[in-house]
Each structure stands twice: as structure tokens, then as C-alpha cells.
C-alpha atoms as a PDB file:
ATOM      1  CA  UNK A   1      33.006  -6.585   2.955  1.00  0.00           C
ATOM      2  CA  UNK A   2      30.830  -7.020   6.036  1.00  0.00           C
ATOM      3  CA  UNK A   3      27.722  -4.876   6.348  1.00  0.00           C
ATOM      4  CA  UNK A   4      26.138  -4.297   9.762  1.00  0.00           C
ATOM      5  CA  UNK A   5      22.627  -2.921  10.159  1.00  0.00           C
ATOM      6  CA  UNK A   6      21.439  -1.915  13.617  1.00  0.00           C
ATOM      7  CA  UNK A   7      17.949  -1.400  14.957  1.00  0.00           C
ATOM      8  CA  UNK A   8      16.080  -1.096  18.243  1.00  0.00           C
ATOM      9  CA  UNK A   9      17.303   2.214  19.598  1.00  0.00           C
ATOM     10  CA  UNK A  10      14.980   4.828  20.976  1.00  0.00           C
ATOM     11  CA  UNK A  11      13.764   6.683  24.040  1.00  0.00           C
ATOM     12  CA  UNK A  12      13.137   4.785  27.255  1.00  0.00           C
ATOM     13  CA  UNK A  13      12.453   5.763  30.866  1.00  0.00           C
ATOM     14  CA  UNK A  14      14.940   5.047  33.664  1.00  0.00           C
ATOM     15  CA  UNK A  15      14.537   1.472  34.839  1.00  0.00           C
ATOM     16  CA  UNK A  16      13.146   0.430  31.491  1.00  0.00           C
ATOM     17  CA  UNK A  17      14.408  -2.043  28.927  1.00  0.00           C
ATOM     18  CA  UNK A  18      15.456  -1.989  25.315  1.00  0.00           C
ATOM     19  CA  UNK A  19      16.687  -4.637  22.899  1.00  0.00           C
ATOM     20  CA  UNK A  20      19.153  -3.753  20.169  1.00  0.00           C
ATOM     21  CA  UNK A  21      19.659  -5.908  17.098  1.00  0.00           C
ATOM     22  CA  UNK A  22      22.481  -6.020  14.577  1.00  0.00           C
ATOM     23  CA  UNK A  23      22.080  -7.939  11.343  1.00  0.00           C
ATOM     24  CA  UNK A  24      25.277  -8.856   9.507  1.00  0.00           C
ATOM     25  CA  UNK A  25      25.858  -9.728   5.894  1.00  0.00           C
ATOM     26  CA  UNK A  26      28.227 -12.398   4.639  1.00  0.00           C
ATOM     27  CA  UNK A  27      28.609 -16.139   5.069  1.00  0.00           C
ATOM     28  CA  UNK A  28      31.316 -16.217   7.768  1.00  0.00           C
ATOM     29  CA  UNK A  29      29.377 -14.596  10.604  1.00  0.00           C
ATOM     30  CA  UNK A  30      30.214 -17.480  12.927  1.00  0.00           C
ATOM     31  CA  UNK A  31      33.938 -16.673  12.670  1.00  0.00           C
ATOM     32  CA  UNK A  32      33.572 -13.158  14.053  1.00  0.00           C
ATOM     33  CA  UNK A  33      33.648 -11.851  17.555  1.00  0.00           C
ATOM     34  CA  UNK A  34      30.661  -9.522  17.824  1.00  0.00           C
ATOM     35  CA  UNK A  35      30.415  -6.574  20.129  1.00  0.00           C
ATOM     36  CA  UNK A  36      28.566  -3.470  21.123  1.00  0.00           C
ATOM     37  CA  UNK A  37      30.259  -0.139  21.752  1.00  0.00           C
ATOM     38  CA  UNK A  38      28.825   3.197  22.782  1.00  0.00           C
ATOM     39  CA  UNK A  39      29.827   6.816  22.445  1.00  0.00           C
ATOM     40  CA  UNK A  40      28.658  10.101  23.949  1.00  0.00           C
ATOM     41  CA  UNK A  41      29.544  13.602  22.692  1.00  0.00           C
ATOM     42  CA  UNK A  42      33.158  14.477  23.398  1.00  0.00           C
ATOM     43  CA  UNK A  43      34.031  10.953  24.499  1.00  0.00           C
ATOM     44  CA  UNK A  44      35.828   8.093  22.826  1.00  0.00           C
ATOM     45  CA  UNK A  45      33.925   5.038  21.766  1.00  0.00           C
ATOM     46  CA  UNK A  46      33.984   2.480  24.579  1.00  0.00           C
ATOM     47  CA  UNK A  47      33.249  -1.246  24.612  1.00  0.00           C
ATOM     48  CA  UNK A  48      30.037  -2.365  26.265  1.00  0.00           C
ATOM     49  CA  UNK A  49      29.766  -6.089  25.598  1.00  0.00           C
ATOM     50  CA  UNK A  50      31.309  -8.745  23.409  1.00  0.00           C
ATOM     51  CA  UNK A  51      30.606 -12.316  22.408  1.00  0.00           C
ATOM     52  CA  UNK A  52      33.081 -14.623  20.708  1.00  0.00           C
ATOM     53  CA  UNK A  53      32.426 -17.235  18.044  1.00  0.00           C
ATOM     54  CA  UNK A  54      32.219 -19.930  20.736  1.00  0.00           C
ATOM     55  CA  UNK A  55      29.740 -17.948  22.829  1.00  0.00           C
ATOM     56  CA  UNK A  56      32.089 -16.546  25.447  1.00  0.00           C
ATOM     57  CA  UNK A  57      30.842 -13.175  26.679  1.00  0.00           C
ATOM     58  CA  UNK A  58      32.345 -10.207  28.446  1.00  0.00           C
ATOM     59  CA  UNK A  59      30.913  -6.939  29.707  1.00  0.00           C
ATOM     60  CA  UNK A  60      32.016  -3.544  30.833  1.00  0.00           C
ATOM     61  CA  UNK A  61      31.788  -3.201  34.611  1.00  0.00           C
ATOM     62  CA  UNK A  62      29.207  -0.460  34.244  1.00  0.00           C
ATOM     63  CA  UNK A  63      26.683  -2.785  32.574  1.00  0.00           C
ATOM     64  CA  UNK A  64      27.352  -6.146  34.242  1.00  0.00           C
ATOM     65  CA  UNK A  65      24.166  -7.684  35.548  1.00  0.00           C
ATOM     66  CA  UNK A  66      22.005  -5.362  33.468  1.00  0.00           C
ATOM     67  CA  UNK A  67      22.942  -6.040  29.841  1.00  0.00           C
ATOM     68  CA  UNK A  68      23.017  -9.365  28.032  1.00  0.00           C
ATOM     69  CA  UNK A  69      24.669  -9.966  24.679  1.00  0.00           C
ATOM     70  CA  UNK A  70      23.668 -12.927  22.551  1.00  0.00           C
ATOM     71  CA  UNK A  71      23.986 -14.125  18.982  1.00  0.00           C
ATOM     72  CA  UNK A  72      22.013 -16.220  16.550  1.00  0.00           C
ATOM     73  CA  UNK A  73      24.456 -17.540  13.980  1.00  0.00           C
ATOM     74  CA  UNK A  74      21.685 -18.985  11.829  1.00  0.00           C
ATOM     75  CA  UNK A  75      20.254 -15.476  11.453  1.00  0.00           C
ATOM     76  CA  UNK A  76      23.610 -13.678  11.320  1.00  0.00           C
ATOM     77  CA  UNK A  77      22.360 -11.450  14.112  1.00  0.00           C
ATOM     78  CA  UNK A  78      23.692 -10.228  17.445  1.00  0.00           C
ATOM     79  CA  UNK A  79      21.508  -8.757  20.184  1.00  0.00           C
ATOM     80  CA  UNK A  80      21.959  -6.572  23.209  1.00  0.00           C
ATOM     81  CA  UNK A  81      19.256  -6.868  25.840  1.00  0.00           C
ATOM     82  CA  UNK A  82      19.413  -3.784  28.035  1.00  0.00           C
ATOM     83  CA  UNK A  83      17.586  -3.865  31.368  1.00  0.00           C
ATOM     84  CA  UNK A  84      17.472  -1.486  34.318  1.00  0.00           C
ATOM     85  CA  UNK A  85      18.562   1.370  32.114  1.00  0.00           C
ATOM     86  CA  UNK A  86      19.737   4.609  33.674  1.00  0.00           C
ATOM     87  CA  UNK A  87      20.520   8.039  32.186  1.00  0.00           C
ATOM     88  CA  UNK A  88      24.242   7.216  32.132  1.00  0.00           C
ATOM     89  CA  UNK A  89      23.478   4.605  29.483  1.00  0.00           C
ATOM     90  CA  UNK A  90      22.437   7.331  27.050  1.00  0.00           C
ATOM     91  CA  UNK A  91      24.711   7.110  24.020  1.00  0.00           C
ATOM     92  CA  UNK A  92      24.980   6.107  20.419  1.00  0.00           C
ATOM     93  CA  UNK A  93      25.418   2.356  20.330  1.00  0.00           C
ATOM     94  CA  UNK A  94      27.491   0.753  17.586  1.00  0.00           C
ATOM     95  CA  UNK A  95      27.653  -2.834  16.446  1.00  0.00           C
ATOM     96  CA  UNK A  96      31.112  -4.250  15.753  1.00  0.00           C
ATOM     97  CA  UNK A  97      32.414  -7.365  14.040  1.00  0.00           C
ATOM     98  CA  UNK A  98      36.038  -8.432  14.361  1.00  0.00           C
ATOM     99  CA  UNK A  99      38.274 -11.342  13.537  1.00  0.00           C
ATOM    100  CA  UNK A 100      41.907 -12.111  12.979  1.00  0.00           C
ATOM    101  CA  UNK A 101      42.926 -12.855   9.395  1.00  0.00           C
ATOM    102  CA  UNK A 102      46.492 -14.174   9.533  1.00  0.00           C
ATOM    103  CA  UNK A 103      48.110 -11.346  11.545  1.00  0.00           C
ATOM    104  CA  UNK A 104      45.635  -8.602  10.623  1.00  0.00           C
ATOM    105  CA  UNK A 105      42.642  -7.644  12.747  1.00  0.00           C
ATOM    106  CA  UNK A 106      39.610  -7.022  10.578  1.00  0.00           C
ATOM    107  CA  UNK A 107      36.945  -4.751  12.042  1.00  0.00           C
ATOM    108  CA  UNK A 108      33.602  -3.531  10.749  1.00  0.00           C
ATOM    109  CA  UNK A 109      31.126  -1.069  12.234  1.00  0.00           C
ATOM    110  CA  UNK A 110      27.454  -0.370  11.992  1.00  0.00           C
ATOM    111  CA  UNK A 111      26.053   3.118  11.547  1.00  0.00           C
ATOM    112  CA  UNK A 112      25.038   3.455  15.181  1.00  0.00           C
ATOM    113  CA  UNK A 113      21.673   3.746  16.886  1.00  0.00           C
ATOM    114  CA  UNK A 114      20.696   6.331  19.489  1.00  0.00           C
ATOM    115  CA  UNK A 115      19.637   5.185  22.946  1.00  0.00           C
ATOM    116  CA  UNK A 116      18.232   7.870  25.225  1.00  0.00           C
ATOM    117  CA  UNK A 117      17.269   7.148  28.826  1.00  0.00           C
ATOM    118  CA  UNK A 118      15.227   9.979  30.283  1.00  0.00           C
ATOM    119  CA  UNK A 119      12.128  10.610  32.347  1.00  0.00           C
END
């Protein structure tokens, strides 16, 4: 069982920055693709950014150039640096860990952390 603990959410003004952290349990962190998703009321959870075990990253078009995902395998932690925030970024942000085990996709989720962008 993989446990994910998120931190760093809060209230920030438009144009401001925030850094989210996700600490993972277990000894196979380096085998997982890590990602951040977000969800607003009435909407489905959507992917924001992902980083593979080899460091390859991808981003949703809406956050490209503003958000940066990174990982520290020695600390079993993934980060999301969020710059130039706007009100549309307001959501609950969830940490995700995923990997293929044989033919089964294993996925784990954090509890979510609220990010509110408002003046």
C-alpha cells in the first residue's frame, strides 16, 4: 500500500506562487510515475502535470510555462511549483502515483489540498 501525504496548499493572490509537496511511503517510489490532478465542484478530476520514473514531464496546456513538476527520489517526494497563478487555478489538488504491475495499472491518491487564488 502506497500512502501519499500532501502539503502546501492555501490562499494566494493572482500572479502569486505556491509550492505543493507530496510525500510518499514505500521503498519503490522510483518506479512510479507521479502526477498532480485538480478538481473543482461539479467537474471531473483532470490531470495537471506528470513526471515519469526517468524524469520525463508533461503538462496540461492550461499550465504550461507556469507550473513545474519535479521529484526527489531520495526523499520519496514530488513537488509542484506553481507560478503566475490565476483564479482559474483554484481547485483541490491531488497527488497521484501510478505504475504498471504486469498488465494491471496501480494507482494511489492523496487526500487533496485546497488551492485558492483570489484577490
